[in-house]
Amino acid sequence: MKRNRHWLILVVFFAFVNGLFIFYESWVTKKGVDTDVVILGNLIVFVATLLSFIIYLSSLKNNTGTGALKGMIGSFAVKFVICLLAVVIYVISFKENINKPALVICMGLYAIYTVIEVSSLQKILKRRKHG
């Protein structure tokens, strides 16, 4: 059960953010934020973070330092490329109607998900070292 707790933190945060933007949709929309963009961006960053998390965890099975380093670089690259592609597709698709506040919020979500991912991985590594 403890092993799944790290995934649960990501899922709870994902649900919390979506709930906030659904519940306060009218207020957020009045502020000029497209909630559909934020919710879809949250989904993309969540999935990218899960993939990154899985890649890094699988690299920890390799006991060499280079294996862990490759996993760290690979997990960052996957997450970054997925998010970058999403932004490029959005910008190309909605050239004149880009909602900049929603993009800024999605960038903030990327940072928050990264902090959650890194802190979870640090806890796993610390427990693995001492356990």
N, C-alpha and C. Protein backbone atom coordinates (compact mmCIF):
# COMPACT_ATOMS: atom_id res chain seq x y z
N MET A 1 0.82 -1.20 0.00
CA MET A 1 0.00 0.00 0.00
C MET A 1 0.86 1.27 0.00
N LYS A 2 1.97 1.25 0.75
CA LYS A 2 2.85 2.43 0.78
C LYS A 2 3.42 2.72 -0.60
N ARG A 3 3.63 1.68 -1.37
CA ARG A 3 4.22 1.84 -2.68
C ARG A 3 3.32 2.67 -3.60
N ASN A 4 2.02 2.51 -3.47
CA ASN A 4 1.08 3.23 -4.31
C ASN A 4 0.81 4.65 -3.82
N ARG A 5 1.26 4.98 -2.63
CA ARG A 5 0.99 6.28 -2.05
C ARG A 5 1.56 7.42 -2.91
N HIS A 6 2.69 7.21 -3.52
CA HIS A 6 3.31 8.25 -4.33
C HIS A 6 2.47 8.55 -5.56
N TRP A 7 1.88 7.55 -6.15
CA TRP A 7 0.99 7.73 -7.28
C TRP A 7 -0.28 8.44 -6.82
N LEU A 8 -0.71 8.09 -5.62
CA LEU A 8 -1.94 8.65 -5.08
C LEU A 8 -1.83 10.16 -4.90
N ILE A 9 -0.68 10.65 -4.52
CA ILE A 9 -0.47 12.09 -4.36
C ILE A 9 -0.70 12.80 -5.70
N LEU A 10 -0.17 12.22 -6.77
CA LEU A 10 -0.36 12.80 -8.10
C LEU A 10 -1.84 12.78 -8.50
N VAL A 11 -2.51 11.66 -8.24
CA VAL A 11 -3.92 11.53 -8.61
C VAL A 11 -4.77 12.51 -7.81
N VAL A 12 -4.51 12.64 -6.53
CA VAL A 12 -5.27 13.57 -5.69
C VAL A 12 -5.05 15.01 -6.16
N PHE A 13 -3.83 15.37 -6.47
CA PHE A 13 -3.56 16.73 -6.95
C PHE A 13 -4.26 16.97 -8.29
N PHE A 14 -4.22 15.99 -9.19
CA PHE A 14 -4.91 16.11 -10.47
C PHE A 14 -6.41 16.34 -10.27
N ALA A 15 -7.02 15.53 -9.41
CA ALA A 15 -8.45 15.66 -9.14
C ALA A 15 -8.76 17.00 -8.47
N PHE A 16 -7.90 17.43 -7.56
CA PHE A 16 -8.08 18.71 -6.86
C PHE A 16 -8.07 19.88 -7.83
N VAL A 17 -7.09 19.91 -8.72
CA VAL A 17 -6.98 21.01 -9.69
C VAL A 17 -8.19 21.01 -10.62
N ASN A 18 -8.57 19.84 -11.14
CA ASN A 18 -9.73 19.79 -12.02
C ASN A 18 -10.99 20.21 -11.28
N GLY A 19 -11.13 19.76 -10.04
CA GLY A 19 -12.29 20.14 -9.24
C GLY A 19 -12.36 21.65 -9.03
N LEU A 20 -11.22 22.26 -8.74
CA LEU A 20 -11.19 23.71 -8.56
C LEU A 20 -11.65 24.44 -9.82
N PHE A 21 -11.14 24.03 -10.96
CA PHE A 21 -11.47 24.74 -12.20
C PHE A 21 -12.88 24.42 -12.69
N ILE A 22 -13.43 23.29 -12.31
CA ILE A 22 -14.82 23.00 -12.64
C ILE A 22 -15.76 23.75 -11.70
N PHE A 23 -15.45 23.71 -10.41
CA PHE A 23 -16.30 24.34 -9.40
C PHE A 23 -16.32 25.87 -9.55
N TYR A 24 -15.16 26.47 -9.79
CA TYR A 24 -15.05 27.92 -9.92
C TYR A 24 -14.98 28.38 -11.38
N GLU A 25 -15.57 27.61 -12.27
CA GLU A 25 -15.46 27.90 -13.70
C GLU A 25 -15.95 29.30 -14.07
N SER A 26 -17.09 29.71 -13.55
CA SER A 26 -17.62 31.02 -13.93
C SER A 26 -16.70 32.15 -13.43
N TRP A 27 -16.19 32.03 -12.21
CA TRP A 27 -15.31 33.05 -11.67
C TRP A 27 -14.00 33.11 -12.45
N VAL A 28 -13.44 31.93 -12.74
CA VAL A 28 -12.16 31.87 -13.47
C VAL A 28 -12.34 32.39 -14.89
N THR A 29 -13.47 32.07 -15.51
CA THR A 29 -13.73 32.55 -16.87
C THR A 29 -13.85 34.07 -16.90
N LYS A 30 -14.45 34.66 -15.86
CA LYS A 30 -14.55 36.13 -15.78
C LYS A 30 -13.16 36.76 -15.70
N LYS A 31 -12.21 36.04 -15.15
CA LYS A 31 -10.83 36.54 -15.04
C LYS A 31 -10.05 36.37 -16.35
N GLY A 32 -10.70 35.76 -17.37
CA GLY A 32 -10.06 35.63 -18.68
C GLY A 32 -9.32 34.33 -18.90
N VAL A 33 -9.58 33.32 -18.06
CA VAL A 33 -8.89 32.04 -18.19
C VAL A 33 -9.84 31.03 -18.83
N ASP A 34 -9.38 30.36 -19.87
CA ASP A 34 -10.17 29.31 -20.51
C ASP A 34 -9.99 28.02 -19.71
N THR A 35 -11.04 27.63 -18.99
CA THR A 35 -10.94 26.47 -18.10
C THR A 35 -10.73 25.17 -18.88
N ASP A 36 -11.25 25.10 -20.11
CA ASP A 36 -11.04 23.89 -20.92
C ASP A 36 -9.56 23.68 -21.21
N VAL A 37 -8.86 24.77 -21.50
CA VAL A 37 -7.42 24.68 -21.77
C VAL A 37 -6.68 24.23 -20.51
N VAL A 38 -7.06 24.78 -19.36
CA VAL A 38 -6.38 24.43 -18.11
C VAL A 38 -6.65 22.96 -17.76
N ILE A 39 -7.89 22.51 -17.90
CA ILE A 39 -8.22 21.13 -17.55
C ILE A 39 -7.52 20.16 -18.50
N LEU A 40 -7.51 20.46 -19.79
CA LEU A 40 -6.80 19.59 -20.74
C LEU A 40 -5.30 19.65 -20.49
N GLY A 41 -4.78 20.83 -20.20
CA GLY A 41 -3.35 20.97 -19.88
C GLY A 41 -2.99 20.20 -18.62
N ASN A 42 -3.87 20.24 -17.63
CA ASN A 42 -3.65 19.47 -16.40
C ASN A 42 -3.60 17.98 -16.71
N LEU A 43 -4.49 17.52 -17.58
CA LEU A 43 -4.49 16.10 -17.96
C LEU A 43 -3.18 15.73 -18.67
N ILE A 44 -2.73 16.57 -19.57
CA ILE A 44 -1.50 16.29 -20.31
C ILE A 44 -0.29 16.27 -19.38
N VAL A 45 -0.20 17.24 -18.50
CA VAL A 45 0.93 17.29 -17.56
C VAL A 45 0.87 16.10 -16.59
N PHE A 46 -0.33 15.74 -16.16
CA PHE A 46 -0.50 14.59 -15.27
C PHE A 46 -0.02 13.30 -15.94
N VAL A 47 -0.46 13.06 -17.18
CA VAL A 47 -0.05 11.85 -17.90
C VAL A 47 1.45 11.86 -18.16
N ALA A 48 1.98 13.01 -18.55
CA ALA A 48 3.43 13.12 -18.79
C ALA A 48 4.22 12.85 -17.51
N THR A 49 3.72 13.35 -16.38
CA THR A 49 4.39 13.12 -15.10
C THR A 49 4.34 11.65 -14.71
N LEU A 50 3.20 11.01 -14.93
CA LEU A 50 3.11 9.57 -14.64
C LEU A 50 4.09 8.76 -15.48
N LEU A 51 4.16 9.08 -16.77
CA LEU A 51 5.12 8.38 -17.64
C LEU A 51 6.55 8.63 -17.18
N SER A 52 6.85 9.86 -16.85
CA SER A 52 8.18 10.20 -16.36
C SER A 52 8.51 9.44 -15.08
N PHE A 53 7.54 9.39 -14.18
CA PHE A 53 7.68 8.68 -12.91
C PHE A 53 7.96 7.19 -13.15
N ILE A 54 7.19 6.59 -14.05
CA ILE A 54 7.35 5.16 -14.36
C ILE A 54 8.73 4.90 -14.97
N ILE A 55 9.15 5.75 -15.90
CA ILE A 55 10.46 5.57 -16.53
C ILE A 55 11.57 5.65 -15.49
N TYR A 56 11.49 6.63 -14.61
CA TYR A 56 12.56 6.78 -13.61
C TYR A 56 12.54 5.62 -12.62
N LEU A 57 11.35 5.19 -12.19
CA LEU A 57 11.28 4.06 -11.26
C LEU A 57 11.83 2.78 -11.89
N SER A 58 11.54 2.58 -13.17
CA SER A 58 12.07 1.38 -13.82
C SER A 58 13.59 1.44 -13.97
N SER A 59 14.14 2.65 -14.09
CA SER A 59 15.60 2.77 -14.19
C SER A 59 16.27 2.48 -12.86
N LEU A 60 15.54 2.61 -11.77
CA LEU A 60 16.14 2.33 -10.46
C LEU A 60 16.41 0.84 -10.25
N LYS A 61 15.76 0.01 -11.06
CA LYS A 61 16.02 -1.43 -10.97
C LYS A 61 17.43 -1.76 -11.44
N ASN A 62 17.97 -0.89 -12.28
CA ASN A 62 19.34 -1.04 -12.74
C ASN A 62 20.26 -0.49 -11.65
N ASN A 63 21.15 -1.30 -11.15
CA ASN A 63 21.98 -0.91 -10.01
C ASN A 63 23.20 -0.07 -10.37
N THR A 64 23.39 0.23 -11.65
CA THR A 64 24.54 1.05 -12.02
C THR A 64 24.15 2.53 -11.99
N GLY A 65 25.12 3.35 -11.76
CA GLY A 65 24.88 4.79 -11.73
C GLY A 65 24.47 5.33 -13.08
N THR A 66 25.03 4.77 -14.14
CA THR A 66 24.67 5.26 -15.48
C THR A 66 23.22 4.91 -15.81
N GLY A 67 22.74 3.77 -15.33
CA GLY A 67 21.35 3.39 -15.58
C GLY A 67 20.39 4.36 -14.93
N ALA A 68 20.68 4.76 -13.72
CA ALA A 68 19.84 5.73 -13.02
C ALA A 68 19.91 7.10 -13.70
N LEU A 69 21.11 7.47 -14.15
CA LEU A 69 21.27 8.75 -14.84
C LEU A 69 20.51 8.76 -16.16
N LYS A 70 20.60 7.67 -16.91
CA LYS A 70 19.85 7.57 -18.17
C LYS A 70 18.35 7.64 -17.91
N GLY A 71 17.91 7.00 -16.84
CA GLY A 71 16.49 7.04 -16.49
C GLY A 71 16.04 8.45 -16.13
N MET A 72 16.88 9.16 -15.40
CA MET A 72 16.54 10.53 -15.00
C MET A 72 16.45 11.43 -16.23
N ILE A 73 17.43 11.33 -17.11
CA ILE A 73 17.44 12.15 -18.32
C ILE A 73 16.29 11.75 -19.24
N GLY A 74 16.06 10.47 -19.37
CA GLY A 74 14.97 9.98 -20.22
C GLY A 74 13.61 10.40 -19.70
N SER A 75 13.43 10.32 -18.39
CA SER A 75 12.13 10.70 -17.82
C SER A 75 11.88 12.20 -18.00
N PHE A 76 12.92 13.01 -17.81
CA PHE A 76 12.78 14.45 -18.04
C PHE A 76 12.47 14.72 -19.50
N ALA A 77 13.17 14.06 -20.41
CA ALA A 77 12.98 14.29 -21.84
C ALA A 77 11.56 13.93 -22.27
N VAL A 78 11.05 12.80 -21.79
CA VAL A 78 9.70 12.38 -22.16
C VAL A 78 8.68 13.42 -21.69
N LYS A 79 8.79 13.82 -20.45
CA LYS A 79 7.85 14.78 -19.89
C LYS A 79 7.93 16.12 -20.62
N PHE A 80 9.14 16.59 -20.84
CA PHE A 80 9.34 17.88 -21.50
C PHE A 80 8.83 17.87 -22.93
N VAL A 81 9.13 16.81 -23.67
CA VAL A 81 8.72 16.73 -25.08
C VAL A 81 7.20 16.63 -25.20
N ILE A 82 6.56 15.84 -24.34
CA ILE A 82 5.10 15.73 -24.38
C ILE A 82 4.47 17.11 -24.13
N CYS A 83 4.93 17.81 -23.13
CA CYS A 83 4.37 19.13 -22.82
C CYS A 83 4.68 20.15 -23.91
N LEU A 84 5.89 20.09 -24.46
CA LEU A 84 6.26 21.00 -25.53
C LEU A 84 5.40 20.77 -26.77
N LEU A 85 5.19 19.51 -27.12
CA LEU A 85 4.32 19.19 -28.27
C LEU A 85 2.90 19.68 -28.05
N ALA A 86 2.40 19.52 -26.84
CA ALA A 86 1.04 19.98 -26.54
C ALA A 86 0.94 21.50 -26.73
N VAL A 87 1.93 22.24 -26.26
CA VAL A 87 1.92 23.70 -26.41
C VAL A 87 2.02 24.09 -27.88
N VAL A 88 2.91 23.44 -28.62
CA VAL A 88 3.07 23.75 -30.04
C VAL A 88 1.78 23.46 -30.80
N ILE A 89 1.15 22.33 -30.54
CA ILE A 89 -0.11 21.99 -31.21
C ILE A 89 -1.20 23.02 -30.85
N TYR A 90 -1.25 23.41 -29.59
CA TYR A 90 -2.24 24.42 -29.17
C TYR A 90 -1.99 25.75 -29.87
N VAL A 91 -0.75 26.20 -29.91
CA VAL A 91 -0.42 27.48 -30.53
C VAL A 91 -0.72 27.45 -32.02
N ILE A 92 -0.38 26.37 -32.69
CA ILE A 92 -0.65 26.26 -34.13
C ILE A 92 -2.16 26.20 -34.40
N SER A 93 -2.90 25.51 -33.55
CA SER A 93 -4.33 25.33 -33.76
C SER A 93 -5.14 26.60 -33.48
N PHE A 94 -4.73 27.38 -32.50
CA PHE A 94 -5.51 28.54 -32.08
C PHE A 94 -4.70 29.83 -32.21
N LYS A 95 -4.08 30.04 -33.34
CA LYS A 95 -3.14 31.15 -33.55
C LYS A 95 -3.59 32.48 -32.93
N GLU A 96 -4.78 32.97 -33.28
CA GLU A 96 -5.22 34.26 -32.77
C GLU A 96 -5.94 34.16 -31.43
N ASN A 97 -6.42 32.98 -31.07
CA ASN A 97 -7.23 32.83 -29.85
C ASN A 97 -6.48 32.13 -28.73
N ILE A 98 -5.19 32.32 -28.64
CA ILE A 98 -4.40 31.68 -27.59
C ILE A 98 -4.75 32.33 -26.26
N ASN A 99 -5.04 31.52 -25.28
CA ASN A 99 -5.38 32.02 -23.95
C ASN A 99 -4.11 31.98 -23.09
N LYS A 100 -3.43 33.11 -23.03
CA LYS A 100 -2.15 33.18 -22.33
C LYS A 100 -2.26 32.90 -20.83
N PRO A 101 -3.31 33.40 -20.15
CA PRO A 101 -3.42 33.06 -18.73
C PRO A 101 -3.52 31.56 -18.48
N ALA A 102 -4.23 30.85 -19.34
CA ALA A 102 -4.35 29.39 -19.19
C ALA A 102 -2.99 28.72 -19.40
N LEU A 103 -2.22 29.22 -20.37
CA LEU A 103 -0.88 28.66 -20.60
C LEU A 103 0.04 28.90 -19.40
N VAL A 104 -0.07 30.07 -18.80
CA VAL A 104 0.75 30.38 -17.62
C VAL A 104 0.36 29.44 -16.46
N ILE A 105 -0.93 29.22 -16.29
CA ILE A 105 -1.39 28.29 -15.25
C ILE A 105 -0.86 26.89 -15.53
N CYS A 106 -0.88 26.47 -16.78
CA CYS A 106 -0.36 25.14 -17.14
C CYS A 106 1.14 25.04 -16.87
N MET A 107 1.86 26.13 -17.10
CA MET A 107 3.30 26.14 -16.78
C MET A 107 3.50 25.99 -15.28
N GLY A 108 2.66 26.65 -14.51
CA GLY A 108 2.72 26.50 -13.06
C GLY A 108 2.40 25.08 -12.63
N LEU A 109 1.42 24.47 -13.29
CA LEU A 109 1.08 23.08 -12.98
C LEU A 109 2.25 22.15 -13.29
N TYR A 110 2.95 22.43 -14.41
CA TYR A 110 4.14 21.64 -14.76
C TYR A 110 5.16 21.71 -13.62
N ALA A 111 5.38 22.90 -13.10
CA ALA A 111 6.35 23.07 -12.01
C ALA A 111 5.88 22.34 -10.75
N ILE A 112 4.60 22.45 -10.42
CA ILE A 112 4.08 21.78 -9.22
C ILE A 112 4.16 20.27 -9.36
N TYR A 113 3.77 19.74 -10.51
CA TYR A 113 3.87 18.30 -10.73
C TYR A 113 5.32 17.83 -10.64
N THR A 114 6.24 18.64 -11.14
CA THR A 114 7.66 18.28 -11.06
C THR A 114 8.13 18.24 -9.62
N VAL A 115 7.70 19.20 -8.80
CA VAL A 115 8.07 19.20 -7.38
C VAL A 115 7.50 17.95 -6.70
N ILE A 116 6.25 17.62 -6.98
CA ILE A 116 5.64 16.42 -6.39
C ILE A 116 6.39 15.17 -6.82
N GLU A 117 6.72 15.09 -8.10
CA GLU A 117 7.44 13.93 -8.63
C GLU A 117 8.81 13.79 -7.98
N VAL A 118 9.56 14.86 -7.92
CA VAL A 118 10.91 14.81 -7.37
C VAL A 118 10.88 14.49 -5.88
N SER A 119 9.96 15.09 -5.13
CA SER A 119 9.89 14.79 -3.70
C SER A 119 9.49 13.34 -3.46
N SER A 120 8.59 12.81 -4.28
CA SER A 120 8.21 11.40 -4.15
C SER A 120 9.39 10.49 -4.47
N LEU A 121 10.13 10.83 -5.52
CA LEU A 121 11.29 10.01 -5.87
C LEU A 121 12.38 10.09 -4.80
N GLN A 122 12.55 11.25 -4.19
CA GLN A 122 13.54 11.37 -3.11
C GLN A 122 13.16 10.49 -1.93
N LYS A 123 11.87 10.46 -1.60
CA LYS A 123 11.42 9.60 -0.50
C LYS A 123 11.64 8.14 -0.83
N ILE A 124 11.38 7.75 -2.07
CA ILE A 124 11.59 6.36 -2.49
C ILE A 124 13.07 6.02 -2.41
N LEU A 125 13.92 6.92 -2.90
CA LEU A 125 15.36 6.66 -2.86
C LEU A 125 15.89 6.60 -1.44
N LYS A 126 15.39 7.47 -0.58
CA LYS A 126 15.83 7.49 0.81
C LYS A 126 15.43 6.19 1.51
N ARG A 127 14.20 5.75 1.27
CA ARG A 127 13.73 4.52 1.88
C ARG A 127 14.50 3.31 1.32
N ARG A 128 14.82 3.38 0.05
CA ARG A 128 15.54 2.28 -0.58
C ARG A 128 16.97 2.18 -0.04
N LYS A 129 17.57 3.34 0.23
CA LYS A 129 18.94 3.39 0.74
C LYS A 129 19.02 2.83 2.17
N HIS A 130 18.02 3.19 2.99
CA HIS A 130 18.04 2.78 4.38
C HIS A 130 17.25 1.51 4.64
N GLY A 131 16.51 1.04 3.64
CA GLY A 131 15.63 -0.11 3.89
C GLY A 131 16.10 -1.35 3.35
